[in-house]
C-alpha atoms as a PDB file:
ATOM      1  CA  MET A   1      29.291 -36.405 -21.545  1.00  0.00           C
ATOM      2  CA  LYS A   2      29.349 -36.151 -17.969  1.00  0.00           C
ATOM      3  CA  THR A   3      27.630 -33.212 -16.182  1.00  0.00           C
ATOM      4  CA  LYS A   4      28.312 -31.867 -13.210  1.00  0.00           C
ATOM      5  CA  PRO A   5      25.740 -32.137 -10.147  1.00  0.00           C
ATOM      6  CA  GLU A   6      24.412 -29.136  -9.266  1.00  0.00           C
ATOM      7  CA  PRO A   7      25.369 -27.257  -6.213  1.00  0.00           C
ATOM      8  CA  LYS A   8      22.634 -27.667  -3.249  1.00  0.00           C
ATOM      9  CA  PRO A   9      21.188 -24.544  -2.129  1.00  0.00           C
ATOM     10  CA  GLU A  10      22.926 -23.296   1.199  1.00  0.00           C
ATOM     11  CA  ALA A  11      20.411 -23.708   3.856  1.00  0.00           C
ATOM     12  CA  THR A  12      19.878 -21.020   6.203  1.00  0.00           C
ATOM     13  CA  THR A  13      21.549 -20.951   9.453  1.00  0.00           C
ATOM     14  CA  ASP A  14      19.514 -20.542  12.806  1.00  0.00           C
ATOM     15  CA  THR A  15      20.453 -17.404  12.805  1.00  0.00           C
ATOM     16  CA  GLU A  16      19.021 -16.132   9.501  1.00  0.00           C
ATOM     17  CA  GLN A  17      15.588 -18.254  10.119  1.00  0.00           C
ATOM     18  CA  ASP A  18      15.549 -16.606  13.691  1.00  0.00           C
ATOM     19  CA  GLN A  19      15.622 -12.738  12.166  1.00  0.00           C
ATOM     20  CA  ILE A  20      13.311 -13.909   9.719  1.00  0.00           C
ATOM     21  CA  SER A  21      11.011 -15.421  12.166  1.00  0.00           C
ATOM     22  CA  LEU A  22      11.567 -12.197  14.124  1.00  0.00           C
ATOM     23  CA  ASN A  23      11.013 -10.420  11.056  1.00  0.00           C
ATOM     24  CA  ILE A  24       7.506 -11.763   9.910  1.00  0.00           C
ATOM     25  CA  ALA A  25       6.173 -12.011  13.342  1.00  0.00           C
ATOM     26  CA  ALA A  26       6.876  -8.020  13.611  1.00  0.00           C
ATOM     27  CA  VAL A  27       5.011  -8.025  10.921  1.00  0.00           C
ATOM     28  CA  HIS A  28       2.429 -10.029  12.104  1.00  0.00           C
ATOM     29  CA  LYS A  29       1.757  -8.065  15.086  1.00  0.00           C
ATOM     30  CA  PHE A  30       1.560  -4.717  13.128  1.00  0.00           C
ATOM     31  CA  TYR A  31      -1.226  -6.404  11.375  1.00  0.00           C
ATOM     32  CA  ASP A  32      -2.861  -7.227  14.311  1.00  0.00           C
ATOM     33  CA  ARG A  33      -2.340  -4.071  16.095  1.00  0.00           C
ATOM     34  CA  GLU A  34      -3.779  -2.228  13.348  1.00  0.00           C
ATOM     35  CA  GLU A  35      -6.829  -4.658  13.273  1.00  0.00           C
ATOM     36  CA  SER A  36      -7.105  -4.478  16.961  1.00  0.00           C
ATOM     37  CA  LYS A  37      -7.926  -0.945  16.154  1.00  0.00           C
ATOM     38  CA  ILE A  38     -11.025  -0.886  13.892  1.00  0.00           C
ATOM     39  CA  SER A  39     -14.266  -0.329  15.942  1.00  0.00           C
ATOM     40  CA  HIS A  40     -17.228  -2.623  15.679  1.00  0.00           C
ATOM     41  CA  SER A  41     -19.353  -0.068  13.648  1.00  0.00           C
ATOM     42  CA  GLN A  42     -16.012   0.279  11.067  1.00  0.00           C
ATOM     43  CA  ARG A  43     -16.011  -3.438  11.161  1.00  0.00           C
ATOM     44  CA  LEU A  44     -20.378  -3.552  10.586  1.00  0.00           C
ATOM     45  CA  LEU A  45     -19.516  -1.313   7.673  1.00  0.00           C
ATOM     46  CA  GLU A  46     -16.998  -2.985   6.053  1.00  0.00           C
ATOM     47  CA  ARG A  47     -18.832  -6.366   6.087  1.00  0.00           C
ATOM     48  CA  VAL A  48     -21.769  -4.369   4.370  1.00  0.00           C
ATOM     49  CA  ASP A  49     -19.005  -3.034   2.151  1.00  0.00           C
ATOM     50  CA  GLU A  50     -17.635  -6.249   0.951  1.00  0.00           C
ATOM     51  CA  LEU A  51     -20.928  -7.687   0.314  1.00  0.00           C
ATOM     52  CA  ALA A  52     -22.136  -4.668  -1.576  1.00  0.00           C
ATOM     53  CA  GLY A  53     -19.112  -5.530  -3.730  1.00  0.00           C
ATOM     54  CA  LYS A  54     -20.057  -8.994  -4.992  1.00  0.00           C
ATOM     55  CA  SER A  55     -21.644  -9.135  -8.126  1.00  0.00           C
ATOM     56  CA  GLY A  56     -24.943 -10.992  -6.167  1.00  0.00           C
ATOM     57  CA  PHE A  57     -25.302  -7.605  -4.941  1.00  0.00           C
ATOM     58  CA  LEU A  58     -25.859  -6.120  -8.261  1.00  0.00           C
ATOM     59  CA  ALA A  59     -27.736  -9.042  -9.578  1.00  0.00           C
ATOM     60  CA  PHE A  60     -30.134  -8.103  -6.109  1.00  0.00           C
ATOM     61  CA  ILE A  61     -30.282  -4.311  -7.132  1.00  0.00           C
ATOM     62  CA  VAL A  62     -31.548  -5.204 -11.086  1.00  0.00           C
ATOM     63  CA  PHE A  63     -33.694  -7.810  -9.616  1.00  0.00           C
ATOM     64  CA  PHE A  64     -35.216  -5.568  -7.341  1.00  0.00           C
ATOM     65  CA  VAL A  65     -35.900  -2.576  -9.984  1.00  0.00           C
ATOM     66  CA  VAL A  66     -37.950  -5.069 -12.422  1.00  0.00           C
ATOM     67  CA  ILE A  67     -39.626  -6.311  -9.517  1.00  0.00           C
ATOM     68  CA  TRP A  68     -40.775  -3.035  -8.491  1.00  0.00           C
ATOM     69  CA  ILE A  69     -41.436  -2.172 -12.325  1.00  0.00           C
ATOM     70  CA  VAL A  70     -43.482  -5.133 -12.826  1.00  0.00           C
ATOM     71  CA  SER A  71     -45.663  -4.999  -9.817  1.00  0.00           C
ATOM     72  CA  ASN A  72     -45.865  -1.095 -10.955  1.00  0.00           C
ATOM     73  CA  VAL A  73     -47.263  -2.388 -14.094  1.00  0.00           C
ATOM     74  CA  LEU A  74     -49.172  -5.067 -12.607  1.00  0.00           C
ATOM     75  CA  CYS A  75     -50.909  -3.163 -10.126  1.00  0.00           C
ATOM     76  CA  LEU A  76     -52.084  -0.825 -13.240  1.00  0.00           C
ATOM     77  CA  GLU A  77     -53.301  -3.497 -15.275  1.00  0.00           C
ATOM     78  CA  LEU A  78     -55.138  -4.975 -12.337  1.00  0.00           C
ATOM     79  CA  GLY A  79     -57.499  -1.679 -11.608  1.00  0.00           C
ATOM     80  CA  TYR A  80     -55.500  -1.191  -8.059  1.00  0.00           C
ATOM     81  CA  GLY A  81     -53.725   1.994  -9.434  1.00  0.00           C
ATOM     82  CA  GLU A  82     -49.659   2.336  -9.217  1.00  0.00           C
ATOM     83  CA  PHE A  83     -48.107   2.969  -5.712  1.00  0.00           C
ATOM     84  CA  ASP A  84     -45.317   4.372  -7.436  1.00  0.00           C
ATOM     85  CA  PRO A  85     -46.102   6.043 -11.067  1.00  0.00           C
ATOM     86  CA  ALA A  86     -43.523   6.638 -13.490  1.00  0.00           C
ATOM     87  CA  PRO A  87     -40.862   8.350 -13.586  1.00  0.00           C
ATOM     88  CA  TYR A  88     -40.391   5.947 -10.240  1.00  0.00           C
ATOM     89  CA  LEU A  89     -39.946   8.697  -7.985  1.00  0.00           C
ATOM     90  CA  TRP A  90     -40.052   6.497  -4.873  1.00  0.00           C
ATOM     91  CA  LEU A  91     -37.319   3.731  -6.430  1.00  0.00           C
ATOM     92  CA  GLN A  92     -35.427   6.582  -7.642  1.00  0.00           C
ATOM     93  CA  GLY A  93     -35.204   7.863  -4.249  1.00  0.00           C
ATOM     94  CA  ILE A  94     -34.456   3.923  -2.871  1.00  0.00           C
ATOM     95  CA  ILE A  95     -31.710   3.448  -4.904  1.00  0.00           C
ATOM     96  CA  GLY A  96     -30.133   7.194  -4.166  1.00  0.00           C
ATOM     97  CA  LEU A  97     -30.067   6.297  -0.610  1.00  0.00           C
ATOM     98  CA  CYS A  98     -28.399   2.947  -1.331  1.00  0.00           C
ATOM     99  CA  ALA A  99     -25.887   4.653  -3.688  1.00  0.00           C
ATOM    100  CA  LEU A 100     -25.362   7.390  -0.797  1.00  0.00           C
ATOM    101  CA  LEU A 101     -25.072   4.430   1.691  1.00  0.00           C
ATOM    102  CA  THR A 102     -22.519   2.360  -0.664  1.00  0.00           C
ATOM    103  CA  SER A 103     -20.342   5.433  -0.944  1.00  0.00           C
ATOM    104  CA  ILE A 104     -19.741   6.677   2.482  1.00  0.00           C
ATOM    105  CA  MET A 105     -19.346   2.655   3.575  1.00  0.00           C
ATOM    106  CA  VAL A 106     -16.413   3.122   0.463  1.00  0.00           C
ATOM    107  CA  LEU A 107     -14.858   6.056   1.799  1.00  0.00           C
ATOM    108  CA  SER A 108     -14.968   5.089   5.373  1.00  0.00           C
ATOM    109  CA  LYS A 109     -12.835   2.157   4.039  1.00  0.00           C
ATOM    110  CA  GLN A 110     -10.664   4.101   2.243  1.00  0.00           C
ATOM    111  CA  ASN A 111      -9.824   6.568   4.927  1.00  0.00           C
ATOM    112  CA  ARG A 112      -8.645   3.602   6.824  1.00  0.00           C
ATOM    113  CA  LEU A 113      -6.766   2.090   4.415  1.00  0.00           C
ATOM    114  CA  ALA A 114      -5.000   5.354   3.504  1.00  0.00           C
ATOM    115  CA  LYS A 115      -4.127   5.754   7.047  1.00  0.00           C
ATOM    116  CA  LEU A 116      -2.408   2.242   7.363  1.00  0.00           C
ATOM    117  CA  ALA A 117      -0.477   3.023   3.624  1.00  0.00           C
ATOM    118  CA  GLU A 118       0.465   6.384   5.061  1.00  0.00           C
ATOM    119  CA  GLN A 119       1.583   4.345   8.325  1.00  0.00           C
ATOM    120  CA  ARG A 120       3.425   1.872   5.865  1.00  0.00           C
ATOM    121  CA  ALA A 121       5.139   4.327   3.749  1.00  0.00           C
ATOM    122  CA  ASN A 122       6.408   5.843   7.080  1.00  0.00           C
ATOM    123  CA  LEU A 123       8.082   3.041   7.853  1.00  0.00           C
ATOM    124  CA  ASP A 124       9.282   1.746   4.000  1.00  0.00           C
ATOM    125  CA  LEU A 125      10.825   5.432   3.878  1.00  0.00           C
ATOM    126  CA  LYS A 126      12.659   5.227   7.732  1.00  0.00           C
ATOM    127  CA  VAL A 127      13.828   1.844   6.465  1.00  0.00           C
ATOM    128  CA  THR A 128      15.228   3.287   3.265  1.00  0.00           C
ATOM    129  CA  LEU A 129      16.875   5.549   5.034  1.00  0.00           C
ATOM    130  CA  LEU A 130      18.810   3.125   7.446  1.00  0.00           C
ATOM    131  CA  THR A 131      19.834   0.988   4.540  1.00  0.00           C
ATOM    132  CA  GLU A 132      21.183   3.875   2.833  1.00  0.00           C
ATOM    133  CA  GLN A 133      23.027   4.513   5.508  1.00  0.00           C
ATOM    134  CA  LYS A 134      24.520   1.295   6.142  1.00  0.00           C
ATOM    135  CA  ALA A 135      25.518   1.133   2.290  1.00  0.00           C
ATOM    136  CA  ALA A 136      27.349   4.402   2.798  1.00  0.00           C
ATOM    137  CA  LYS A 137      29.262   2.839   5.870  1.00  0.00           C
ATOM    138  CA  LEU A 138      30.082  -0.517   3.839  1.00  0.00           C
ATOM    139  CA  ILE A 139      31.538   1.904   1.107  1.00  0.00           C
ATOM    140  CA  ASP A 140      33.207   3.541   3.939  1.00  0.00           C
ATOM    141  CA  LEU A 141      34.992   0.323   5.264  1.00  0.00           C
ATOM    142  CA  LEU A 142      35.844  -0.946   1.585  1.00  0.00           C
ATOM    143  CA  GLU A 143      37.457   2.342   1.045  1.00  0.00           C
ATOM    144  CA  GLU A 144      39.568   1.769   4.224  1.00  0.00           C
ATOM    145  CA  LEU A 145      40.429  -1.978   3.895  1.00  0.00           C
ATOM    146  CA  ARG A 146      41.241  -1.178   0.215  1.00  0.00           C
ATOM    147  CA  ARG A 147      43.825   1.678   2.022  1.00  0.00           C
ATOM    148  CA  ASP A 148      44.952  -0.675   4.347  1.00  0.00           C
ATOM    149  CA  LEU A 149      45.774  -3.095   2.537  1.00  0.00           C
ATOM    150  CA  PRO A 150      49.302  -3.211   0.838  1.00  0.00           C
ATOM    151  CA  ASN A 151      49.141  -5.350  -2.529  1.00  0.00           C
ATOM    152  CA  VAL A 152      46.246  -2.603  -3.552  1.00  0.00           C
ATOM    153  CA  LYS A 153      47.028   0.278  -5.481  1.00  0.00           C
ATOM    154  CA  ASN A 154      45.936   3.352  -3.598  1.00  0.00           C
ATOM    155  CA  ARG A 155      44.211   5.810  -5.787  1.00  0.00           C
ATOM    156  CA  HIS A 156      41.488   8.205  -5.483  1.00  0.00           C
ATOM    157  CA  ASP A 157      37.409   7.250  -6.461  1.00  0.00           C
ATOM    158  CA  ALA A 158      35.513  10.365  -6.491  1.00  0.00           C
ATOM    159  CA  ASP A 159      32.810   8.324  -6.507  1.00  0.00           C
ATOM    160  CA  ALA A 160      33.554   6.301  -3.565  1.00  0.00           C
ATOM    161  CA  GLN A 161      34.537   9.221  -1.773  1.00  0.00           C
ATOM    162  CA  THR A 162      30.457  10.553  -2.360  1.00  0.00           C
ATOM    163  CA  LEU A 163      29.085   7.596  -1.882  1.00  0.00           C
ATOM    164  CA  GLN A 164      30.427   6.759   1.693  1.00  0.00           C
ATOM    165  CA  GLN A 165      28.733   9.285   3.316  1.00  0.00           C
ATOM    166  CA  SER A 166      24.890   9.127   3.944  1.00  0.00           C
ATOM    167  CA  MET A 167      22.194  11.345   2.568  1.00  0.00           C
ATOM    168  CA  ASN A 168      20.771  14.088   5.027  1.00  0.00           C
ATOM    169  CA  PRO A 169      17.220  13.529   5.035  1.00  0.00           C
ATOM    170  CA  SER A 170      16.418  17.216   5.985  1.00  0.00           C
ATOM    171  CA  LEU A 171      18.280  18.379   2.478  1.00  0.00           C
ATOM    172  CA  VAL A 172      16.470  15.119   0.506  1.00  0.00           C
ATOM    173  CA  LEU A 173      13.402  16.611   1.263  1.00  0.00           C
ATOM    174  CA  ALA A 174      14.299  20.364   0.768  1.00  0.00           C
ATOM    175  CA  ALA A 175      15.113  19.158  -2.658  1.00  0.00           C
ATOM    176  CA  LEU A 176      11.725  17.395  -3.447  1.00  0.00           C
ATOM    177  CA  ASP A 177      10.138  20.828  -2.348  1.00  0.00           C
ATOM    178  CA  GLU A 178      11.575  23.029  -4.605  1.00  0.00           C
ATOM    179  CA  HIS A 179      12.050  20.979  -7.918  1.00  0.00           C
ATOM    180  CA  PRO A 180       8.587  20.481  -9.795  1.00  0.00           C
ATOM    181  CA  GLU A 181       7.345  17.501  -9.857  1.00  0.00           C
ATOM    182  CA  SER A 182       7.661  17.224 -13.590  1.00  0.00           C
ATOM    183  CA  GLN A 183      11.219  17.151 -13.396  1.00  0.00           C
ATOM    184  CA  SER A 184      12.622  13.264 -12.730  1.00  0.00           C
ATOM    185  CA  PRO A 185      13.818  12.109  -9.610  1.00  0.00           C
ATOM    186  CA  ALA A 186      16.609  10.564 -11.169  1.00  0.00           C
ATOM    187  CA  ASN A 187      17.900  14.135 -12.348  1.00  0.00           C
ATOM    188  CA  GLN A 188      17.911  15.855  -8.898  1.00  0.00           C
ATOM    189  CA  ALA A 189      21.415  15.831  -7.288  1.00  0.00           C
ATOM    190  CA  VAL A 190      21.099  15.412  -3.214  1.00  0.00           C
ATOM    191  CA  GLU A 191      23.969  16.628  -0.824  1.00  0.00           C
ATOM    192  CA  PRO A 192      25.221  13.964   1.366  1.00  0.00           C
ATOM    193  CA  VAL A 193      25.783  14.512   4.783  1.00  0.00           C
ATOM    194  CA  ALA A 194      29.459  15.740   6.001  1.00  0.00           C
END
């Protein structure tokens, strides 16, 4: 039995490739701009935070605590007296200070990343609204084409009539504010822009 050769994927045109390159360049430019906004102290904090997030740091802390306790016990056994008697208040203070500093470093990085995520969410919202407007325009053009073609039966399509109108962002925000979060967004109706 003879099999059909598989169709070759269509090559992207130069225009598509240019648009893809422009989009990728814009994303890189955004990340480079955000990276350049980071202060030297923030960079230092994040480097230390990266070190503290590795498993080697946990091993170092455990090793430090064991050495501290063993040193105290050896000093007591050799008759020198403990430099930090049980319950090891100095050790608790050092560990507590390290925990506080680590928490501050983590929170500092999370705050910076939260701002970046907020910018991305804002951009996503803008792109989504623009895409919705373009889709509404396409539906409008298809409906106009359907009405203009002589061989297509003209009929009223209420769904197409509704979908060809763009959503009003102000009404979307107002609808979100009115409804409690427990309600599914899919069940919420939003008025289109006239």
